[in-house]
Amino acid sequence: MELSDEQRMSFEAAAFRRLIAHLRERSDVQNIDLMNLAGFCRNCLSNWYREAANEAGVAMDKEQSREIIYGMPYDAWRTLHQKEASTEQLTAFEISRPKE
């Protein structure tokens, strides 16, 4: 299937918006679980978003990009939704975390 660049970008943007909406609805899914299963989390998405903005010449800091992804200030999201990671979650994270 041949898509124009405009179509591809439009579809990618729609899929991204749907992913963000889904993650906002599924606040029960912890970032550490996402990292352990998929190798990325909400913070990764916010980093990628910020990097894209900065590369395009739009100044954006970490807190601004996190608020875009989380739909609220990051500290507020953490207070409302983040739970203490279990020993099992932390162990799995140490095994699967990206090596720098």
N, C-alpha and C. Protein backbone atom coordinates (compact mmCIF):
# COMPACT_ATOMS: atom_id res chain seq x y z
N MET A 1 0.84 -1.17 0.00
CA MET A 1 0.00 0.00 0.00
C MET A 1 0.89 1.24 0.00
N GLU A 2 0.56 2.15 -0.85
CA GLU A 2 1.30 3.41 -0.94
C GLU A 2 0.54 4.49 -0.20
N LEU A 3 1.20 5.10 0.75
CA LEU A 3 0.62 6.23 1.48
C LEU A 3 1.47 7.46 1.19
N SER A 4 0.80 8.58 1.11
CA SER A 4 1.55 9.83 0.97
C SER A 4 2.21 10.13 2.31
N ASP A 5 3.22 10.97 2.30
CA ASP A 5 3.86 11.38 3.55
C ASP A 5 2.84 12.01 4.50
N GLU A 6 1.94 12.78 3.94
CA GLU A 6 0.91 13.44 4.76
C GLU A 6 -0.02 12.40 5.40
N GLN A 7 -0.45 11.40 4.64
CA GLN A 7 -1.29 10.35 5.19
C GLN A 7 -0.56 9.58 6.29
N ARG A 8 0.68 9.20 6.01
CA ARG A 8 1.47 8.45 6.99
C ARG A 8 1.60 9.23 8.29
N MET A 9 1.95 10.51 8.19
CA MET A 9 2.09 11.32 9.39
C MET A 9 0.76 11.49 10.13
N SER A 10 -0.31 11.64 9.38
CA SER A 10 -1.63 11.77 9.99
C SER A 10 -2.02 10.50 10.74
N PHE A 11 -1.78 9.35 10.13
CA PHE A 11 -2.12 8.08 10.76
C PHE A 11 -1.23 7.82 11.97
N GLU A 12 0.06 8.13 11.85
CA GLU A 12 0.97 7.97 12.98
C GLU A 12 0.54 8.86 14.14
N ALA A 13 0.18 10.10 13.84
CA ALA A 13 -0.26 11.02 14.89
C ALA A 13 -1.53 10.51 15.56
N ALA A 14 -2.46 9.98 14.78
CA ALA A 14 -3.70 9.45 15.34
C ALA A 14 -3.42 8.25 16.24
N ALA A 15 -2.52 7.37 15.80
CA ALA A 15 -2.17 6.21 16.62
C ALA A 15 -1.49 6.65 17.91
N PHE A 16 -0.61 7.64 17.83
CA PHE A 16 0.07 8.16 19.01
C PHE A 16 -0.94 8.77 19.99
N ARG A 17 -1.86 9.57 19.48
CA ARG A 17 -2.88 10.16 20.37
C ARG A 17 -3.72 9.07 21.03
N ARG A 18 -4.02 8.03 20.30
CA ARG A 18 -4.79 6.93 20.88
C ARG A 18 -3.99 6.18 21.95
N LEU A 19 -2.69 5.97 21.71
CA LEU A 19 -1.82 5.35 22.70
C LEU A 19 -1.79 6.19 23.98
N ILE A 20 -1.61 7.49 23.85
CA ILE A 20 -1.56 8.37 25.01
C ILE A 20 -2.89 8.33 25.76
N ALA A 21 -4.00 8.39 25.05
CA ALA A 21 -5.32 8.31 25.70
C ALA A 21 -5.47 6.98 26.44
N HIS A 22 -5.02 5.91 25.82
CA HIS A 22 -5.12 4.58 26.44
C HIS A 22 -4.29 4.54 27.73
N LEU A 23 -3.06 5.05 27.67
CA LEU A 23 -2.21 5.05 28.86
C LEU A 23 -2.77 5.93 29.97
N ARG A 24 -3.42 7.02 29.60
CA ARG A 24 -4.06 7.87 30.62
C ARG A 24 -5.22 7.15 31.28
N GLU A 25 -5.97 6.38 30.49
CA GLU A 25 -7.10 5.61 31.05
C GLU A 25 -6.60 4.46 31.91
N ARG A 26 -5.45 3.90 31.58
CA ARG A 26 -4.91 2.73 32.28
C ARG A 26 -3.84 3.15 33.28
N SER A 27 -4.21 4.05 34.16
CA SER A 27 -3.27 4.51 35.18
C SER A 27 -2.92 3.39 36.17
N ASP A 28 -3.68 2.29 36.14
CA ASP A 28 -3.36 1.15 36.98
C ASP A 28 -2.10 0.43 36.49
N VAL A 29 -1.74 0.62 35.24
CA VAL A 29 -0.54 0.01 34.69
C VAL A 29 0.64 0.90 35.06
N GLN A 30 1.52 0.37 35.85
CA GLN A 30 2.65 1.12 36.35
C GLN A 30 3.75 1.22 35.29
N ASN A 31 4.52 2.31 35.34
CA ASN A 31 5.62 2.49 34.39
C ASN A 31 6.62 1.35 34.46
N ILE A 32 6.90 0.86 35.65
CA ILE A 32 7.88 -0.23 35.76
C ILE A 32 7.37 -1.49 35.06
N ASP A 33 6.06 -1.72 35.08
CA ASP A 33 5.49 -2.86 34.36
C ASP A 33 5.66 -2.67 32.85
N LEU A 34 5.41 -1.45 32.38
CA LEU A 34 5.61 -1.17 30.96
C LEU A 34 7.07 -1.39 30.57
N MET A 35 7.98 -0.89 31.39
CA MET A 35 9.41 -1.07 31.11
C MET A 35 9.78 -2.55 31.09
N ASN A 36 9.29 -3.30 32.05
CA ASN A 36 9.63 -4.72 32.13
C ASN A 36 9.07 -5.52 30.95
N LEU A 37 7.90 -5.15 30.48
CA LEU A 37 7.26 -5.90 29.41
C LEU A 37 7.61 -5.39 28.01
N ALA A 38 7.70 -4.07 27.88
CA ALA A 38 7.84 -3.50 26.54
C ALA A 38 9.14 -2.73 26.32
N GLY A 39 9.86 -2.43 27.39
CA GLY A 39 11.11 -1.71 27.24
C GLY A 39 10.95 -0.21 27.10
N PHE A 40 9.74 0.31 27.32
CA PHE A 40 9.51 1.75 27.33
C PHE A 40 8.33 2.03 28.25
N CYS A 41 8.22 3.30 28.66
CA CYS A 41 7.12 3.69 29.55
C CYS A 41 6.67 5.10 29.20
N ARG A 42 5.79 5.65 30.00
CA ARG A 42 5.30 7.00 29.78
C ARG A 42 6.45 8.02 29.78
N ASN A 43 7.42 7.83 30.67
CA ASN A 43 8.55 8.76 30.71
C ASN A 43 9.37 8.69 29.43
N CYS A 44 9.53 7.49 28.88
CA CYS A 44 10.23 7.35 27.61
C CYS A 44 9.49 8.13 26.52
N LEU A 45 8.17 7.97 26.46
CA LEU A 45 7.38 8.71 25.48
C LEU A 45 7.55 10.21 25.64
N SER A 46 7.56 10.67 26.89
CA SER A 46 7.72 12.11 27.11
C SER A 46 9.12 12.57 26.69
N ASN A 47 10.12 11.74 26.91
CA ASN A 47 11.48 12.07 26.46
C ASN A 47 11.55 12.15 24.94
N TRP A 48 10.95 11.18 24.26
CA TRP A 48 10.96 11.17 22.80
C TRP A 48 10.21 12.38 22.24
N TYR A 49 9.11 12.73 22.89
CA TYR A 49 8.32 13.90 22.48
C TYR A 49 9.16 15.16 22.62
N ARG A 50 9.81 15.32 23.77
CA ARG A 50 10.63 16.50 24.03
C ARG A 50 11.79 16.57 23.04
N GLU A 51 12.45 15.44 22.79
CA GLU A 51 13.55 15.42 21.83
C GLU A 51 13.09 15.85 20.45
N ALA A 52 11.93 15.38 20.02
CA ALA A 52 11.39 15.78 18.71
C ALA A 52 11.09 17.27 18.68
N ALA A 53 10.51 17.78 19.75
CA ALA A 53 10.22 19.22 19.81
C ALA A 53 11.51 20.02 19.76
N ASN A 54 12.49 19.62 20.56
CA ASN A 54 13.77 20.35 20.59
C ASN A 54 14.47 20.30 19.24
N GLU A 55 14.43 19.14 18.57
CA GLU A 55 15.04 19.01 17.24
C GLU A 55 14.35 19.91 16.22
N ALA A 56 13.06 20.18 16.44
CA ALA A 56 12.31 21.06 15.54
C ALA A 56 12.46 22.53 15.93
N GLY A 57 13.26 22.79 16.96
CA GLY A 57 13.49 24.17 17.38
C GLY A 57 12.50 24.70 18.39
N VAL A 58 11.69 23.81 18.97
CA VAL A 58 10.72 24.19 19.98
C VAL A 58 11.31 23.85 21.35
N ALA A 59 11.54 24.88 22.14
CA ALA A 59 12.10 24.65 23.48
C ALA A 59 11.05 24.01 24.36
N MET A 60 11.40 22.87 24.94
CA MET A 60 10.48 22.15 25.83
C MET A 60 11.32 21.46 26.87
N ASP A 61 10.92 21.57 28.14
CA ASP A 61 11.66 20.89 29.19
C ASP A 61 10.96 19.60 29.59
N LYS A 62 11.60 18.85 30.47
CA LYS A 62 11.10 17.54 30.88
C LYS A 62 9.71 17.63 31.50
N GLU A 63 9.48 18.60 32.36
CA GLU A 63 8.17 18.71 33.01
C GLU A 63 7.08 19.03 32.00
N GLN A 64 7.38 19.87 31.03
CA GLN A 64 6.38 20.20 30.01
C GLN A 64 6.01 18.98 29.18
N SER A 65 7.01 18.22 28.77
CA SER A 65 6.71 17.03 27.95
C SER A 65 6.00 15.96 28.76
N ARG A 66 6.35 15.83 30.03
CA ARG A 66 5.65 14.86 30.87
C ARG A 66 4.19 15.24 31.05
N GLU A 67 3.90 16.52 31.21
CA GLU A 67 2.51 16.94 31.38
C GLU A 67 1.69 16.65 30.12
N ILE A 68 2.32 16.77 28.95
CA ILE A 68 1.64 16.43 27.70
C ILE A 68 1.28 14.95 27.68
N ILE A 69 2.19 14.10 28.08
CA ILE A 69 1.96 12.65 28.05
C ILE A 69 1.02 12.20 29.16
N TYR A 70 1.24 12.69 30.37
CA TYR A 70 0.45 12.25 31.52
C TYR A 70 -0.91 12.94 31.61
N GLY A 71 -1.06 14.09 30.96
CA GLY A 71 -2.32 14.82 31.03
C GLY A 71 -2.47 15.63 32.30
N MET A 72 -1.40 15.74 33.05
CA MET A 72 -1.37 16.50 34.30
C MET A 72 0.09 16.61 34.71
N PRO A 73 0.40 17.48 35.67
CA PRO A 73 1.79 17.52 36.14
C PRO A 73 2.23 16.14 36.65
N TYR A 74 3.48 15.80 36.37
CA TYR A 74 4.00 14.49 36.71
C TYR A 74 3.89 14.19 38.20
N ASP A 75 4.22 15.15 39.04
CA ASP A 75 4.13 14.92 40.49
C ASP A 75 2.71 14.61 40.92
N ALA A 76 1.72 15.25 40.29
CA ALA A 76 0.31 14.97 40.62
C ALA A 76 -0.04 13.54 40.19
N TRP A 77 0.42 13.13 39.00
CA TRP A 77 0.14 11.77 38.54
C TRP A 77 0.76 10.75 39.50
N ARG A 78 2.00 11.00 39.88
CA ARG A 78 2.68 10.08 40.80
C ARG A 78 1.91 9.96 42.11
N THR A 79 1.46 11.07 42.65
CA THR A 79 0.72 11.05 43.91
C THR A 79 -0.58 10.26 43.76
N LEU A 80 -1.26 10.44 42.65
CA LEU A 80 -2.55 9.77 42.44
C LEU A 80 -2.42 8.29 42.06
N HIS A 81 -1.39 7.94 41.29
CA HIS A 81 -1.39 6.62 40.64
C HIS A 81 -0.18 5.73 40.88
N GLN A 82 0.96 6.30 41.21
CA GLN A 82 2.16 5.46 41.30
C GLN A 82 2.21 4.71 42.62
N LYS A 83 2.49 3.42 42.50
CA LYS A 83 2.62 2.57 43.68
C LYS A 83 4.10 2.22 43.88
N GLU A 84 4.43 1.83 45.08
CA GLU A 84 5.80 1.38 45.37
C GLU A 84 6.07 0.10 44.58
N ALA A 85 7.20 0.04 43.90
CA ALA A 85 7.55 -1.14 43.11
C ALA A 85 7.88 -2.30 44.05
N SER A 86 7.42 -3.48 43.65
CA SER A 86 7.70 -4.68 44.43
C SER A 86 9.13 -5.15 44.17
N THR A 87 9.61 -6.03 45.01
CA THR A 87 10.94 -6.62 44.82
C THR A 87 11.01 -7.33 43.48
N GLU A 88 9.94 -8.03 43.11
CA GLU A 88 9.91 -8.75 41.84
C GLU A 88 9.99 -7.78 40.65
N GLN A 89 9.25 -6.67 40.74
CA GLN A 89 9.29 -5.68 39.67
C GLN A 89 10.69 -5.07 39.53
N LEU A 90 11.29 -4.73 40.65
CA LEU A 90 12.63 -4.13 40.63
C LEU A 90 13.68 -5.11 40.09
N THR A 91 13.56 -6.38 40.46
CA THR A 91 14.49 -7.39 39.96
C THR A 91 14.34 -7.55 38.46
N ALA A 92 13.10 -7.64 37.99
CA ALA A 92 12.86 -7.77 36.55
C ALA A 92 13.38 -6.54 35.80
N PHE A 93 13.21 -5.37 36.39
CA PHE A 93 13.71 -4.15 35.77
C PHE A 93 15.23 -4.17 35.64
N GLU A 94 15.90 -4.59 36.68
CA GLU A 94 17.37 -4.64 36.64
C GLU A 94 17.87 -5.60 35.57
N ILE A 95 17.14 -6.68 35.36
CA ILE A 95 17.51 -7.67 34.33
C ILE A 95 17.26 -7.12 32.93
N SER A 96 16.14 -6.44 32.73
CA SER A 96 15.73 -6.06 31.38
C SER A 96 16.03 -4.61 31.02
N ARG A 97 16.47 -3.79 31.98
CA ARG A 97 16.66 -2.37 31.70
C ARG A 97 17.70 -2.15 30.61
N PRO A 98 17.47 -1.11 29.82
CA PRO A 98 18.44 -0.80 28.76
C PRO A 98 19.81 -0.50 29.36
N LYS A 99 20.83 -1.05 28.74
CA LYS A 99 22.19 -0.82 29.20
C LYS A 99 22.69 0.48 28.57
N GLU A 100 23.31 1.31 29.35
CA GLU A 100 23.80 2.60 28.84
C GLU A 100 25.18 2.49 28.30
